[in-house]
Amino acid sequence: MAINETRAADAAQTDKRKVGRASPLKKPLPTDRITVPKQFEIVRAFAAVSGSERRPTTNRQAANLVKITPETLSLANPFLVEIGFLEKCETGIVPSAEALAFKTAVDIQDEHPEYRLAPLVRKAWFFEVIRPKLEFQSVVEAAIVADLAVFVNAEKSDLARIRQLLDYLSITGVVTRENGSLALVRATGVRENHSTNNPPKPRGEHQNHSDLEPGGRPPDAYINQLVLLPGRTEPVSIRFPRDLTEFEFKFLEHAVAGVKLYVAAQKGTTNDK
């Protein structure tokens, strides 16, 4: 009976969204009846009830943990299943491997447990829609919302739910938000630091010698990237010329190894004191 209730509730909530629309949505969106942080709690609740054995779980079981009704919880399911956080099976709902890792990360008080869900978000339809632009440069949020709305066939009443997609991107560490814009964070933790407000000047426009870097190179000859290292809250800045050769990259690997040895030696000296 409980399994049938779960399926019926999910179907009913999906049908309600279709009523009065000029055309249906191409993809499920997050519900605007539940906050995004609460939606992450729902994922964790399913993982907690299901356990490492990934036992099928009902809406009622998960709802008991997050203190909402099963009917309200069911509003979140279509989107969470669509992006792979949860999976439907014949006898209920099971969490993905990433959802189980997220729950474990919360348990051990990992600083950013939601980052465990990033691989699924990077595969999600809404990231694929905006990825080409973000790989080129940072993009203002309003433009991202517009692109997603057009793709999914959204109406004005859906825009709040579209904006929740940006929350999913930022909470899982796939993008960073700054001054109303989104910037891509590579899977390795590298943030693309291209600015839309200060585009690089064409090489012929550097008339003022104060604009040039040491060696006479213009600023746009360099790439500035921020790398978020595990366990750190502040990113490390890395700056390198755009025209580095493969040989020079190999040389840098040896240089970094040398820095590592130097730091280790300095720590040893400090400990001796």
C-alpha atoms as a PDB file:
ATOM      1  CA  MET A   1       0.000   0.000   0.000  1.00  0.00           C
ATOM      2  CA  ALA A   2       2.773   2.453   0.903  1.00  0.00           C
ATOM      3  CA  ILE A   3       4.492   1.952  -2.455  1.00  0.00           C
ATOM      4  CA  ASN A   4       1.244   2.591  -4.321  1.00  0.00           C
ATOM      5  CA  GLU A   5       0.730   5.756  -2.282  1.00  0.00           C
ATOM      6  CA  THR A   6       4.187   6.974  -3.304  1.00  0.00           C
ATOM      7  CA  ARG A   7       3.509   6.398  -6.996  1.00  0.00           C
ATOM      8  CA  ALA A   8       0.035   7.947  -6.835  1.00  0.00           C
ATOM      9  CA  ALA A   9       1.312  11.050  -5.043  1.00  0.00           C
ATOM     10  CA  ASP A  10       4.127  11.563  -7.558  1.00  0.00           C
ATOM     11  CA  ALA A  11       1.746  11.174 -10.500  1.00  0.00           C
ATOM     12  CA  ALA A  12      -0.828  13.531  -8.991  1.00  0.00           C
ATOM     13  CA  GLN A  13       1.726  16.281  -8.391  1.00  0.00           C
ATOM     14  CA  THR A  14       3.052  15.932 -11.944  1.00  0.00           C
ATOM     15  CA  ASP A  15      -0.479  16.188 -13.367  1.00  0.00           C
ATOM     16  CA  LYS A  16      -1.202  19.350 -11.373  1.00  0.00           C
ATOM     17  CA  ARG A  17       1.696  21.139 -13.059  1.00  0.00           C
ATOM     18  CA  LYS A  18       0.253  20.362 -16.504  1.00  0.00           C
ATOM     19  CA  VAL A  19      -3.092  22.035 -15.834  1.00  0.00           C
ATOM     20  CA  GLY A  20      -3.501  25.459 -17.423  1.00  0.00           C
ATOM     21  CA  ARG A  21      -0.185  25.427 -19.312  1.00  0.00           C
ATOM     22  CA  ALA A  22       0.041  26.498 -22.926  1.00  0.00           C
ATOM     23  CA  SER A  23       2.597  23.725 -23.477  1.00  0.00           C
ATOM     24  CA  PRO A  24       4.261  21.200 -21.166  1.00  0.00           C
ATOM     25  CA  LEU A  25       7.737  21.596 -19.732  1.00  0.00           C
ATOM     26  CA  LYS A  26      10.391  19.668 -21.624  1.00  0.00           C
ATOM     27  CA  LYS A  27      12.125  18.677 -18.383  1.00  0.00           C
ATOM     28  CA  PRO A  28      11.092  18.489 -14.713  1.00  0.00           C
ATOM     29  CA  LEU A  29      12.044  21.518 -12.613  1.00  0.00           C
ATOM     30  CA  PRO A  30      12.627  21.745  -8.857  1.00  0.00           C
ATOM     31  CA  THR A  31       9.503  22.453  -6.847  1.00  0.00           C
ATOM     32  CA  ASP A  32       8.971  25.972  -5.525  1.00  0.00           C
ATOM     33  CA  ARG A  33       7.027  24.557  -2.571  1.00  0.00           C
ATOM     34  CA  ILE A  34      10.216  23.288  -0.897  1.00  0.00           C
ATOM     35  CA  THR A  35      13.399  25.300  -0.406  1.00  0.00           C
ATOM     36  CA  VAL A  36      16.543  24.048  -2.116  1.00  0.00           C
ATOM     37  CA  PRO A  37      18.344  23.290   1.190  1.00  0.00           C
ATOM     38  CA  LYS A  38      15.302  21.239   2.223  1.00  0.00           C
ATOM     39  CA  GLN A  39      15.458  19.367  -1.075  1.00  0.00           C
ATOM     40  CA  PHE A  40      19.020  18.365  -0.225  1.00  0.00           C
ATOM     41  CA  GLU A  41      17.733  17.201   3.156  1.00  0.00           C
ATOM     42  CA  ILE A  42      15.222  15.012   1.330  1.00  0.00           C
ATOM     43  CA  VAL A  43      18.044  13.386  -0.619  1.00  0.00           C
ATOM     44  CA  ARG A  44      19.897  12.761   2.639  1.00  0.00           C
ATOM     45  CA  ALA A  45      16.743  11.348   4.241  1.00  0.00           C
ATOM     46  CA  PHE A  46      16.272   8.791   1.468  1.00  0.00           C
ATOM     47  CA  ALA A  47      19.944   7.839   1.829  1.00  0.00           C
ATOM     48  CA  ALA A  48      19.577   7.482   5.599  1.00  0.00           C
ATOM     49  CA  VAL A  49      16.539   5.209   5.401  1.00  0.00           C
ATOM     50  CA  SER A  50      17.878   3.202   2.484  1.00  0.00           C
ATOM     51  CA  GLY A  51      21.334   2.630   3.950  1.00  0.00           C
ATOM     52  CA  SER A  52      24.399   1.270   2.211  1.00  0.00           C
ATOM     53  CA  GLU A  53      22.321  -1.710   1.043  1.00  0.00           C
ATOM     54  CA  ARG A  54      20.189   0.754  -0.957  1.00  0.00           C
ATOM     55  CA  ARG A  55      16.900  -0.644   0.291  1.00  0.00           C
ATOM     56  CA  PRO A  56      13.817   0.745  -1.514  1.00  0.00           C
ATOM     57  CA  THR A  57      12.278   3.583   0.498  1.00  0.00           C
ATOM     58  CA  THR A  58       8.850   5.264   0.480  1.00  0.00           C
ATOM     59  CA  ASN A  59       7.971   8.947   0.604  1.00  0.00           C
ATOM     60  CA  ARG A  60       6.450   8.454   4.038  1.00  0.00           C
ATOM     61  CA  GLN A  61       9.665   7.005   5.477  1.00  0.00           C
ATOM     62  CA  ALA A  62      11.778   9.871   4.157  1.00  0.00           C
ATOM     63  CA  ALA A  63       9.169  12.499   5.083  1.00  0.00           C
ATOM     64  CA  ASN A  64       9.264  11.379   8.709  1.00  0.00           C
ATOM     65  CA  LEU A  65      12.930  12.404   8.881  1.00  0.00           C
ATOM     66  CA  VAL A  66      12.582  15.839   7.274  1.00  0.00           C
ATOM     67  CA  LYS A  67       9.345  16.659   9.124  1.00  0.00           C
ATOM     68  CA  ILE A  68       7.114  17.346   6.132  1.00  0.00           C
ATOM     69  CA  THR A  69       4.120  15.479   4.741  1.00  0.00           C
ATOM     70  CA  PRO A  70       4.677  12.691   2.207  1.00  0.00           C
ATOM     71  CA  GLU A  71       2.507  14.637  -0.238  1.00  0.00           C
ATOM     72  CA  THR A  72       4.741  17.704   0.016  1.00  0.00           C
ATOM     73  CA  LEU A  73       7.891  15.623  -0.235  1.00  0.00           C
ATOM     74  CA  SER A  74       6.594  13.986  -3.408  1.00  0.00           C
ATOM     75  CA  LEU A  75       6.760  17.385  -5.131  1.00  0.00           C
ATOM     76  CA  ALA A  76      10.557  17.146  -5.098  1.00  0.00           C
ATOM     77  CA  ASN A  77      10.808  13.631  -6.504  1.00  0.00           C
ATOM     78  CA  PRO A  78      10.399  14.187 -10.276  1.00  0.00           C
ATOM     79  CA  PHE A  79      13.348  16.573 -10.450  1.00  0.00           C
ATOM     80  CA  LEU A  80      15.545  14.608  -8.030  1.00  0.00           C
ATOM     81  CA  VAL A  81      14.954  11.469 -10.084  1.00  0.00           C
ATOM     82  CA  GLU A  82      15.529  13.322 -13.359  1.00  0.00           C
ATOM     83  CA  ILE A  83      19.020  14.469 -12.319  1.00  0.00           C
ATOM     84  CA  GLY A  84      19.941  11.129 -10.795  1.00  0.00           C
ATOM     85  CA  PHE A  85      20.081  12.018  -7.096  1.00  0.00           C
ATOM     86  CA  LEU A  86      17.331   9.443  -6.526  1.00  0.00           C
ATOM     87  CA  GLU A  87      16.308   6.425  -8.589  1.00  0.00           C
ATOM     88  CA  LYS A  88      12.883   4.835  -8.917  1.00  0.00           C
ATOM     89  CA  CYS A  89      12.540   1.084  -8.712  1.00  0.00           C
ATOM     90  CA  GLU A  90       9.605  -1.326  -8.663  1.00  0.00           C
ATOM     91  CA  THR A  91       9.235  -1.175  -4.893  1.00  0.00           C
ATOM     92  CA  GLY A  92      10.039   2.451  -4.093  1.00  0.00           C
ATOM     93  CA  ILE A  93      12.919   4.906  -4.338  1.00  0.00           C
ATOM     94  CA  VAL A  94      16.628   4.286  -3.791  1.00  0.00           C
ATOM     95  CA  PRO A  95      19.430   6.858  -3.436  1.00  0.00           C
ATOM     96  CA  SER A  96      22.252   7.063  -5.951  1.00  0.00           C
ATOM     97  CA  ALA A  97      25.801   6.202  -4.936  1.00  0.00           C
ATOM     98  CA  GLU A  98      26.530   9.938  -4.916  1.00  0.00           C
ATOM     99  CA  ALA A  99      23.581  10.546  -2.579  1.00  0.00           C
ATOM    100  CA  LEU A 100      24.953   7.955  -0.168  1.00  0.00           C
ATOM    101  CA  ALA A 101      28.366   9.647  -0.337  1.00  0.00           C
ATOM    102  CA  PHE A 102      26.663  12.990   0.366  1.00  0.00           C
ATOM    103  CA  LYS A 103      24.958  11.565   3.450  1.00  0.00           C
ATOM    104  CA  THR A 104      28.252  10.109   4.700  1.00  0.00           C
ATOM    105  CA  ALA A 105      30.010  13.445   4.108  1.00  0.00           C
ATOM    106  CA  VAL A 106      27.377  15.175   6.251  1.00  0.00           C
ATOM    107  CA  ASP A 107      27.835  12.568   8.981  1.00  0.00           C
ATOM    108  CA  ILE A 108      31.593  13.131   9.154  1.00  0.00           C
ATOM    109  CA  GLN A 109      31.076  16.918   9.046  1.00  0.00           C
ATOM    110  CA  ASP A 110      32.798  17.420   5.717  1.00  0.00           C
ATOM    111  CA  GLU A 111      33.015  21.130   4.918  1.00  0.00           C
ATOM    112  CA  HIS A 112      31.192  20.858   1.582  1.00  0.00           C
ATOM    113  CA  PRO A 113      29.218  17.592   1.589  1.00  0.00           C
ATOM    114  CA  GLU A 114      27.036  18.746  -1.311  1.00  0.00           C
ATOM    115  CA  TYR A 115      30.102  18.655  -3.570  1.00  0.00           C
ATOM    116  CA  ARG A 116      29.738  14.841  -3.583  1.00  0.00           C
ATOM    117  CA  LEU A 117      26.701  15.382  -5.823  1.00  0.00           C
ATOM    118  CA  ALA A 118      28.576  17.541  -8.338  1.00  0.00           C
ATOM    119  CA  PRO A 119      29.254  14.703 -10.837  1.00  0.00           C
ATOM    120  CA  LEU A 120      25.508  14.206 -11.270  1.00  0.00           C
ATOM    121  CA  VAL A 121      24.847  17.931 -11.661  1.00  0.00           C
ATOM    122  CA  ARG A 122      27.541  18.142 -14.348  1.00  0.00           C
ATOM    123  CA  LYS A 123      25.624  15.475 -16.292  1.00  0.00           C
ATOM    124  CA  ALA A 124      22.243  17.172 -15.776  1.00  0.00           C
ATOM    125  CA  TRP A 125      20.376  18.689 -18.694  1.00  0.00           C
ATOM    126  CA  PHE A 126      20.431  22.235 -17.312  1.00  0.00           C
ATOM    127  CA  PHE A 127      24.222  22.263 -16.970  1.00  0.00           C
ATOM    128  CA  GLU A 128      24.637  20.908 -20.502  1.00  0.00           C
ATOM    129  CA  VAL A 129      22.507  23.789 -21.803  1.00  0.00           C
ATOM    130  CA  ILE A 130      24.700  26.514 -20.286  1.00  0.00           C
ATOM    131  CA  ARG A 131      28.079  24.761 -20.226  1.00  0.00           C
ATOM    132  CA  PRO A 132      29.348  26.103 -23.600  1.00  0.00           C
ATOM    133  CA  LYS A 133      28.863  29.721 -22.514  1.00  0.00           C
ATOM    134  CA  LEU A 134      30.406  29.156 -19.093  1.00  0.00           C
ATOM    135  CA  GLU A 135      33.431  27.464 -20.621  1.00  0.00           C
ATOM    136  CA  PHE A 136      34.030  30.643 -22.604  1.00  0.00           C
ATOM    137  CA  GLN A 137      33.454  33.242 -19.887  1.00  0.00           C
ATOM    138  CA  SER A 138      31.427  34.091 -16.794  1.00  0.00           C
ATOM    139  CA  VAL A 139      27.776  34.870 -17.577  1.00  0.00           C
ATOM    140  CA  VAL A 140      25.246  37.076 -15.798  1.00  0.00           C
ATOM    141  CA  GLU A 141      22.560  35.098 -13.987  1.00  0.00           C
ATOM    142  CA  ALA A 142      19.698  36.761 -15.865  1.00  0.00           C
ATOM    143  CA  ALA A 143      21.087  35.476 -19.170  1.00  0.00           C
ATOM    144  CA  ILE A 144      21.451  31.960 -17.750  1.00  0.00           C
ATOM    145  CA  VAL A 145      17.860  32.007 -16.489  1.00  0.00           C
ATOM    146  CA  ALA A 146      16.650  33.158 -19.911  1.00  0.00           C
ATOM    147  CA  ASP A 147      18.541  30.400 -21.749  1.00  0.00           C
ATOM    148  CA  LEU A 148      17.214  27.703 -19.435  1.00  0.00           C
ATOM    149  CA  ALA A 149      13.668  29.056 -19.613  1.00  0.00           C
ATOM    150  CA  VAL A 150      13.687  28.974 -23.408  1.00  0.00           C
ATOM    151  CA  PHE A 151      15.163  25.471 -23.521  1.00  0.00           C
ATOM    152  CA  VAL A 152      12.686  23.944 -21.088  1.00  0.00           C
ATOM    153  CA  ASN A 153       9.657  25.770 -22.521  1.00  0.00           C
ATOM    154  CA  ALA A 154       9.072  27.631 -19.250  1.00  0.00           C
ATOM    155  CA  GLU A 155       6.420  30.237 -18.560  1.00  0.00           C
ATOM    156  CA  LYS A 156       6.716  33.312 -16.363  1.00  0.00           C
ATOM    157  CA  SER A 157       5.325  31.413 -13.390  1.00  0.00           C
ATOM    158  CA  ASP A 158       8.194  28.910 -13.721  1.00  0.00           C
ATOM    159  CA  LEU A 159      11.039  31.423 -13.356  1.00  0.00           C
ATOM    160  CA  ALA A 160      11.427  30.932  -9.604  1.00  0.00           C
ATOM    161  CA  ARG A 161      11.937  27.235 -10.257  1.00  0.00           C
ATOM    162  CA  ILE A 162      14.419  27.990 -13.030  1.00  0.00           C
ATOM    163  CA  ARG A 163      16.426  30.110 -10.584  1.00  0.00           C
ATOM    164  CA  GLN A 164      16.581  27.146  -8.234  1.00  0.00           C
ATOM    165  CA  LEU A 165      18.662  25.385 -10.875  1.00  0.00           C
ATOM    166  CA  LEU A 166      21.344  28.022 -10.282  1.00  0.00           C
ATOM    167  CA  ASP A 167      21.202  27.179  -6.581  1.00  0.00           C
ATOM    168  CA  TYR A 168      21.852  23.536  -7.411  1.00  0.00           C
ATOM    169  CA  LEU A 169      24.858  24.527  -9.511  1.00  0.00           C
ATOM    170  CA  SER A 170      26.393  26.730  -6.825  1.00  0.00           C
ATOM    171  CA  ILE A 171      25.600  24.556  -3.790  1.00  0.00           C
ATOM    172  CA  THR A 172      27.276  21.543  -5.403  1.00  0.00           C
ATOM    173  CA  GLY A 173      30.334  23.607  -6.340  1.00  0.00           C
ATOM    174  CA  VAL A 174      29.861  23.339 -10.102  1.00  0.00           C
ATOM    175  CA  VAL A 175      29.830  27.142 -10.427  1.00  0.00           C
ATOM    176  CA  THR A 176      30.627  30.138  -8.263  1.00  0.00           C
ATOM    177  CA  ARG A 177      28.353  33.170  -7.945  1.00  0.00           C
ATOM    178  CA  GLU A 178      29.843  36.633  -7.807  1.00  0.00           C
ATOM    179  CA  ASN A 179      28.359  40.070  -8.525  1.00  0.00           C
ATOM    180  CA  GLY A 180      25.307  38.610 -10.240  1.00  0.00           C
ATOM    181  CA  SER A 181      27.307  36.306 -12.534  1.00  0.00           C
ATOM    182  CA  LEU A 182      28.109  32.614 -12.706  1.00  0.00           C
ATOM    183  CA  ALA A 183      31.627  31.307 -13.311  1.00  0.00           C
ATOM    184  CA  LEU A 184      32.475  27.707 -14.094  1.00  0.00           C
ATOM    185  CA  VAL A 185      34.489  25.587 -11.669  1.00  0.00           C
ATOM    186  CA  ARG A 186      36.319  22.785 -13.426  1.00  0.00           C
ATOM    187  CA  ALA A 187      35.934  19.252 -12.109  1.00  0.00           C
ATOM    188  CA  THR A 188      39.475  19.591 -10.712  1.00  0.00           C
ATOM    189  CA  GLY A 189      38.398  22.581  -8.606  1.00  0.00           C
ATOM    190  CA  VAL A 190      39.684  25.250 -11.012  1.00  0.00           C
ATOM    191  CA  ARG A 191      37.498  28.312 -11.424  1.00  0.00           C
ATOM    192  CA  GLU A 192      37.452  29.982 -14.810  1.00  0.00           C
ATOM    193  CA  ASN A 193      38.309  33.609 -14.104  1.00  0.00           C
ATOM    194  CA  HIS A 194      37.200  35.249 -17.336  1.00  0.00           C
ATOM    195  CA  SER A 195      35.394  38.529 -16.702  1.00  0.00           C
ATOM    196  CA  THR A 196      32.554  39.795 -18.875  1.00  0.00           C
ATOM    197  CA  ASN A 197      32.926  43.304 -17.433  1.00  0.00           C
ATOM    198  CA  ASN A 198      36.547  43.814 -18.465  1.00  0.00           C
ATOM    199  CA  PRO A 199      37.146  42.027 -21.758  1.00  0.00           C
ATOM    200  CA  PRO A 200      40.783  41.822 -22.886  1.00  0.00           C
ATOM    201  CA  LYS A 201      41.956  44.536 -25.231  1.00  0.00           C
ATOM    202  CA  PRO A 202      43.040  43.589 -28.748  1.00  0.00           C
ATOM    203  CA  ARG A 203      46.801  43.314 -28.837  1.00  0.00           C
ATOM    204  CA  GLY A 204      47.133  46.449 -30.909  1.00  0.00           C
ATOM    205  CA  GLU A 205      45.323  48.591 -28.328  1.00  0.00           C
ATOM    206  CA  HIS A 206      47.966  48.481 -25.585  1.00  0.00           C
ATOM    207  CA  GLN A 207      49.276  51.972 -26.285  1.00  0.00           C
ATOM    208  CA  ASN A 208      50.119  52.778 -22.671  1.00  0.00           C
ATOM    209  CA  HIS A 209      53.294  51.036 -21.508  1.00  0.00           C
ATOM    210  CA  SER A 210      51.835  50.906 -17.989  1.00  0.00           C
ATOM    211  CA  ASP A 211      49.336  48.358 -19.367  1.00  0.00           C
ATOM    212  CA  LEU A 212      52.136  45.953 -20.211  1.00  0.00           C
ATOM    213  CA  GLU A 213      53.435  43.206 -17.977  1.00  0.00           C
ATOM    214  CA  PRO A 214      57.151  42.708 -17.249  1.00  0.00           C
ATOM    215  CA  GLY A 215      58.786  41.560 -20.464  1.00  0.00           C
ATOM    216  CA  GLY A 216      56.481  43.731 -22.577  1.00  0.00           C
ATOM    217  CA  ARG A 217      53.585  41.263 -22.695  1.00  0.00           C
ATOM    218  CA  PRO A 218      49.990  42.589 -22.488  1.00  0.00           C
ATOM    219  CA  PRO A 219      47.799  41.433 -19.566  1.00  0.00           C
ATOM    220  CA  ASP A 220      45.569  39.353 -21.830  1.00  0.00           C
ATOM    221  CA  ALA A 221      48.568  37.173 -22.690  1.00  0.00           C
ATOM    222  CA  TYR A 222      48.079  35.487 -19.333  1.00  0.00           C
ATOM    223  CA  ILE A 223      45.400  33.243 -17.828  1.00  0.00           C
ATOM    224  CA  ASN A 224      44.425  33.724 -14.198  1.00  0.00           C
ATOM    225  CA  GLN A 225      42.767  30.759 -12.518  1.00  0.00           C
ATOM    226  CA  LEU A 226      41.660  30.025  -8.976  1.00  0.00           C
ATOM    227  CA  VAL A 227      42.128  26.494  -7.645  1.00  0.00           C
ATOM    228  CA  LEU A 228      40.093  25.374  -4.642  1.00  0.00           C
ATOM    229  CA  LEU A 229      42.271  22.825  -2.868  1.00  0.00           C
ATOM    230  CA  PRO A 230      40.706  20.120  -0.677  1.00  0.00           C
ATOM    231  CA  GLY A 231      40.380  21.236   2.927  1.00  0.00           C
ATOM    232  CA  ARG A 232      40.851  24.943   2.166  1.00  0.00           C
ATOM    233  CA  THR A 233      38.180  27.636   2.129  1.00  0.00           C
ATOM    234  CA  GLU A 234      40.206  30.181   0.130  1.00  0.00           C
ATOM    235  CA  PRO A 235      41.311  29.367  -3.433  1.00  0.00           C
ATOM    236  CA  VAL A 236      44.934  29.482  -4.568  1.00  0.00           C
ATOM    237  CA  SER A 237      45.659  31.825  -7.483  1.00  0.00           C
ATOM    238  CA  ILE A 238      47.586  30.461 -10.468  1.00  0.00           C
ATOM    239  CA  ARG A 239      48.745  32.677 -13.340  1.00  0.00           C
ATOM    240  CA  PHE A 240      50.473  31.485 -16.487  1.00  0.00           C
ATOM    241  CA  PRO A 241      51.004  32.574 -20.121  1.00  0.00           C
ATOM    242  CA  ARG A 242      48.491  31.409 -22.679  1.00  0.00           C
ATOM    243  CA  ASP A 243      51.220  30.179 -25.032  1.00  0.00           C
ATOM    244  CA  LEU A 244      52.903  27.651 -22.713  1.00  0.00           C
ATOM    245  CA  THR A 245      54.311  24.695 -24.642  1.00  0.00           C
ATOM    246  CA  GLU A 246      54.024  21.032 -23.656  1.00  0.00           C
ATOM    247  CA  PHE A 247      57.703  21.054 -22.707  1.00  0.00           C
ATOM    248  CA  GLU A 248      57.166  24.080 -20.462  1.00  0.00           C
ATOM    249  CA  PHE A 249      54.249  22.369 -18.725  1.00  0.00           C
ATOM    250  CA  LYS A 250      56.516  19.381 -18.011  1.00  0.00           C
ATOM    251  CA  PHE A 251      59.142  21.750 -16.641  1.00  0.00           C
ATOM    252  CA  LEU A 252      56.527  23.308 -14.347  1.00  0.00           C
ATOM    253  CA  GLU A 253      55.726  19.875 -12.925  1.00  0.00           C
ATOM    254  CA  HIS A 254      59.358  19.550 -11.818  1.00  0.00           C
ATOM    255  CA  ALA A 255      59.315  23.100 -10.446  1.00  0.00           C
ATOM    256  CA  VAL A 256      56.236  22.355  -8.338  1.00  0.00           C
ATOM    257  CA  ALA A 257      57.921  19.210  -7.035  1.00  0.00           C
ATOM    258  CA  GLY A 258      60.877  21.359  -6.005  1.00  0.00           C
ATOM    259  CA  VAL A 259      58.601  23.763  -4.137  1.00  0.00           C
ATOM    260  CA  LYS A 260      57.051  20.803  -2.326  1.00  0.00           C
ATOM    261  CA  LEU A 261      60.483  19.642  -1.151  1.00  0.00           C
ATOM    262  CA  TYR A 262      61.362  23.178  -0.051  1.00  0.00           C
ATOM    263  CA  VAL A 263      58.151  23.515   2.006  1.00  0.00           C
ATOM    264  CA  ALA A 264      58.754  20.126   3.600  1.00  0.00           C
ATOM    265  CA  ALA A 265      62.300  21.153   4.510  1.00  0.00           C
ATOM    266  CA  GLN A 266      61.070  24.427   6.009  1.00  0.00           C
ATOM    267  CA  LYS A 267      58.534  22.554   8.139  1.00  0.00           C
ATOM    268  CA  GLY A 268      61.278  20.250   9.348  1.00  0.00           C
ATOM    269  CA  THR A 269      63.429  23.226  10.325  1.00  0.00           C
ATOM    270  CA  THR A 270      60.533  24.785  12.224  1.00  0.00           C
ATOM    271  CA  ASN A 271      59.824  21.554  14.086  1.00  0.00           C
ATOM    272  CA  ASP A 272      63.487  21.236  15.089  1.00  0.00           C
ATOM    273  CA  LYS A 273      63.281  24.620  16.744  1.00  0.00           C
END
